[in-house]
Amino acid sequence: MAKCDQGYLCVVCGLEVENIEDSGLYLRYIIGEVREDELQAQPEHHIRCNPVLAQFIVDDNFEPMLVEGPFDKRELDSSEALLREKLVSSGWRRLLEVKSKQLPISEFPLNKQ
C-alpha cells in the first residue's frame, strides 16, 4: 500500500488507526485539547496506546485501563479525576456517535453540540 493510501499511523505502536473510535487524536479534538486546524500536524495514536488518556474513559463498553506511577488518576485529587473522567468518557461516547451519524468534522467537538 502506498503511504498516501494509509490513514494515520500510531506514533506508539506504528499500526494504522483504522477506526475513529480508536483515535486518540480525534478524542482530544472532541474534548477541546486539539484545534481543528491542528489535526493534520498532531501525532496520532490509538486510545489504548495512551493509557494516561485511556484511564479516564469510564464506560461499560470500554475495558478499563490502569496506570501505575505519577500519572495514575488515583493519585490525583478525586474531584479533578472525576471531572476528567466525565470529560474524556463523554468524548469517547461522542466518537461513537460521530461515527454512527457520520457527522461533519466541524460538529465533532462536545462544545458544538
C-alpha atoms as a PDB file:
ATOM      1  CA  MET A   1       0.000   0.000   0.000  1.00  0.00           C
ATOM      2  CA  ALA A   2       1.309   3.431  -0.860  1.00  0.00           C
ATOM      3  CA  LYS A   3       1.934   5.730   2.088  1.00  0.00           C
ATOM      4  CA  CYS A   4      -0.681   8.150   0.728  1.00  0.00           C
ATOM      5  CA  ASP A   5      -3.257   5.324   0.848  1.00  0.00           C
ATOM      6  CA  GLN A   6      -2.700   4.761   4.555  1.00  0.00           C
ATOM      7  CA  GLY A   7      -4.594   6.503   7.287  1.00  0.00           C
ATOM      8  CA  TYR A   8      -2.970   7.914  10.373  1.00  0.00           C
ATOM      9  CA  LEU A   9      -0.240   5.747  11.883  1.00  0.00           C
ATOM     10  CA  CYS A  10       0.020   5.400  15.657  1.00  0.00           C
ATOM     11  CA  VAL A  11       3.224   7.016  16.929  1.00  0.00           C
ATOM     12  CA  VAL A  12       3.362   4.434  19.728  1.00  0.00           C
ATOM     13  CA  CYS A  13       2.812   1.063  18.029  1.00  0.00           C
ATOM     14  CA  GLY A  14       3.263   2.038  14.371  1.00  0.00           C
ATOM     15  CA  LEU A  15      -0.001   0.449  13.223  1.00  0.00           C
ATOM     16  CA  GLU A  16      -2.715   2.301  11.364  1.00  0.00           C
ATOM     17  CA  VAL A  17      -5.505   3.816  13.456  1.00  0.00           C
ATOM     18  CA  GLU A  18      -8.250   2.396  11.283  1.00  0.00           C
ATOM     19  CA  ASN A  19     -11.346   3.426  13.230  1.00  0.00           C
ATOM     20  CA  ILE A  20     -12.255   6.829  14.581  1.00  0.00           C
ATOM     21  CA  GLU A  21     -13.462   5.319  17.843  1.00  0.00           C
ATOM     22  CA  ASP A  22      -9.858   4.195  18.453  1.00  0.00           C
ATOM     23  CA  SER A  23      -8.333   7.597  17.684  1.00  0.00           C
ATOM     24  CA  GLY A  24      -6.623   9.440  20.494  1.00  0.00           C
ATOM     25  CA  LEU A  25      -6.160  12.440  18.186  1.00  0.00           C
ATOM     26  CA  TYR A  26      -9.863  12.774  17.456  1.00  0.00           C
ATOM     27  CA  LEU A  27     -10.761  12.135  21.083  1.00  0.00           C
ATOM     28  CA  ARG A  28      -8.506  15.034  22.058  1.00  0.00           C
ATOM     29  CA  TYR A  29     -10.132  17.147  19.312  1.00  0.00           C
ATOM     30  CA  ILE A  30     -13.609  16.338  20.586  1.00  0.00           C
ATOM     31  CA  ILE A  31     -12.740  17.286  24.175  1.00  0.00           C
ATOM     32  CA  GLY A  32     -11.089  20.531  23.103  1.00  0.00           C
ATOM     33  CA  GLU A  33      -7.397  19.697  23.527  1.00  0.00           C
ATOM     34  CA  VAL A  34      -6.633  19.931  19.796  1.00  0.00           C
ATOM     35  CA  ARG A  35      -7.984  22.563  17.403  1.00  0.00           C
ATOM     36  CA  GLU A  36      -9.373  21.576  14.022  1.00  0.00           C
ATOM     37  CA  ASP A  37      -6.538  23.356  12.222  1.00  0.00           C
ATOM     38  CA  GLU A  38      -4.014  21.244  14.174  1.00  0.00           C
ATOM     39  CA  LEU A  39      -5.417  17.836  13.197  1.00  0.00           C
ATOM     40  CA  GLN A  40      -3.050  17.352  10.260  1.00  0.00           C
ATOM     41  CA  ALA A  41       0.031  18.328  12.294  1.00  0.00           C
ATOM     42  CA  GLN A  42      -0.601  16.498  15.582  1.00  0.00           C
ATOM     43  CA  PRO A  43       0.623  12.922  16.074  1.00  0.00           C
ATOM     44  CA  GLU A  44      -1.952  10.144  16.074  1.00  0.00           C
ATOM     45  CA  HIS A  45      -2.179   7.233  18.491  1.00  0.00           C
ATOM     46  CA  HIS A  46      -4.646   4.545  19.414  1.00  0.00           C
ATOM     47  CA  ILE A  47      -6.537   5.490  22.559  1.00  0.00           C
ATOM     48  CA  ARG A  48      -5.302   2.322  24.254  1.00  0.00           C
ATOM     49  CA  CYS A  49      -1.709   3.159  23.266  1.00  0.00           C
ATOM     50  CA  ASN A  50      -2.009   6.217  25.518  1.00  0.00           C
ATOM     51  CA  PRO A  51      -3.037   4.716  28.867  1.00  0.00           C
ATOM     52  CA  VAL A  52      -2.701   8.091  30.628  1.00  0.00           C
ATOM     53  CA  LEU A  53      -5.630   9.308  28.500  1.00  0.00           C
ATOM     54  CA  ALA A  54      -7.472   5.969  28.269  1.00  0.00           C
ATOM     55  CA  GLN A  55      -7.631   5.522  32.055  1.00  0.00           C
ATOM     56  CA  PHE A  56     -10.188   8.339  32.178  1.00  0.00           C
ATOM     57  CA  ILE A  57     -12.711   6.533  29.963  1.00  0.00           C
ATOM     58  CA  VAL A  58     -15.322   5.061  32.253  1.00  0.00           C
ATOM     59  CA  ASP A  59     -17.913   3.204  30.215  1.00  0.00           C
ATOM     60  CA  ASP A  60     -19.284  -0.335  30.246  1.00  0.00           C
ATOM     61  CA  ASN A  61     -18.218  -0.683  26.596  1.00  0.00           C
ATOM     62  CA  PHE A  62     -14.590   0.286  27.222  1.00  0.00           C
ATOM     63  CA  GLU A  63     -12.267  -2.060  29.071  1.00  0.00           C
ATOM     64  CA  PRO A  64     -10.731  -0.031  31.919  1.00  0.00           C
ATOM     65  CA  MET A  65      -7.043   0.780  31.896  1.00  0.00           C
ATOM     66  CA  LEU A  66      -4.895   1.331  34.945  1.00  0.00           C
ATOM     67  CA  VAL A  67      -1.760   3.425  35.083  1.00  0.00           C
ATOM     68  CA  GLU A  68       0.889   2.905  37.735  1.00  0.00           C
ATOM     69  CA  GLY A  69       3.068   5.751  38.905  1.00  0.00           C
ATOM     70  CA  PRO A  70       2.878   9.524  38.852  1.00  0.00           C
ATOM     71  CA  PHE A  71       0.252   9.721  36.073  1.00  0.00           C
ATOM     72  CA  ASP A  72      -2.152   7.344  37.804  1.00  0.00           C
ATOM     73  CA  LYS A  73      -5.546   9.056  38.087  1.00  0.00           C
ATOM     74  CA  ARG A  74      -5.866   7.575  41.579  1.00  0.00           C
ATOM     75  CA  GLU A  75      -3.028   9.888  42.597  1.00  0.00           C
ATOM     76  CA  LEU A  76      -4.975  12.972  41.551  1.00  0.00           C
ATOM     77  CA  ASP A  77      -7.377  15.000  43.625  1.00  0.00           C
ATOM     78  CA  SER A  78     -10.583  12.943  43.472  1.00  0.00           C
ATOM     79  CA  SER A  79     -12.750  15.849  42.281  1.00  0.00           C
ATOM     80  CA  GLU A  80     -10.280  16.643  39.470  1.00  0.00           C
ATOM     81  CA  ALA A  81     -10.107  12.982  38.462  1.00  0.00           C
ATOM     82  CA  LEU A  82     -13.898  12.808  38.373  1.00  0.00           C
ATOM     83  CA  LEU A  83     -14.109  15.911  36.147  1.00  0.00           C
ATOM     84  CA  ARG A  84     -11.515  14.432  33.784  1.00  0.00           C
ATOM     85  CA  GLU A  85     -13.360  11.095  33.718  1.00  0.00           C
ATOM     86  CA  LYS A  86     -16.599  12.862  32.835  1.00  0.00           C
ATOM     87  CA  LEU A  87     -14.957  14.866  30.028  1.00  0.00           C
ATOM     88  CA  VAL A  88     -12.943  12.031  28.464  1.00  0.00           C
ATOM     89  CA  SER A  89     -15.775   9.482  28.816  1.00  0.00           C
ATOM     90  CA  SER A  90     -18.198  11.921  27.154  1.00  0.00           C
ATOM     91  CA  GLY A  91     -15.644  12.493  24.418  1.00  0.00           C
ATOM     92  CA  TRP A  92     -15.250   8.774  23.784  1.00  0.00           C
ATOM     93  CA  ARG A  93     -19.022   8.315  23.587  1.00  0.00           C
ATOM     94  CA  ARG A  94     -19.085  11.253  21.156  1.00  0.00           C
ATOM     95  CA  LEU A  95     -16.541   9.417  18.958  1.00  0.00           C
ATOM     96  CA  LEU A  96     -19.019   6.552  18.702  1.00  0.00           C
ATOM     97  CA  GLU A  97     -21.818   8.987  17.915  1.00  0.00           C
ATOM     98  CA  VAL A  98     -19.970  10.875  15.175  1.00  0.00           C
ATOM     99  CA  LYS A  99     -19.160   7.563  13.526  1.00  0.00           C
ATOM    100  CA  SER A 100     -22.715   6.244  13.679  1.00  0.00           C
ATOM    101  CA  LYS A 101     -24.253   9.545  12.496  1.00  0.00           C
ATOM    102  CA  GLN A 102     -21.422  10.326  10.046  1.00  0.00           C
ATOM    103  CA  LEU A 103     -21.257  13.909  11.277  1.00  0.00           C
ATOM    104  CA  PRO A 104     -19.043  16.518   9.616  1.00  0.00           C
ATOM    105  CA  ILE A 105     -15.787  17.212  11.422  1.00  0.00           C
ATOM    106  CA  SER A 106     -16.944  20.680  12.483  1.00  0.00           C
ATOM    107  CA  GLU A 107     -19.675  19.035  14.593  1.00  0.00           C
ATOM    108  CA  PHE A 108     -17.376  16.595  16.420  1.00  0.00           C
ATOM    109  CA  PRO A 109     -16.442  18.717  19.471  1.00  0.00           C
ATOM    110  CA  LEU A 110     -18.538  18.429  22.606  1.00  0.00           C
ATOM    111  CA  ASN A 111     -18.912  22.202  22.828  1.00  0.00           C
ATOM    112  CA  LYS A 112     -20.536  22.321  19.357  1.00  0.00           C
ATOM    113  CA  GLN A 113     -23.462  20.073  20.260  1.00  0.00           C
END
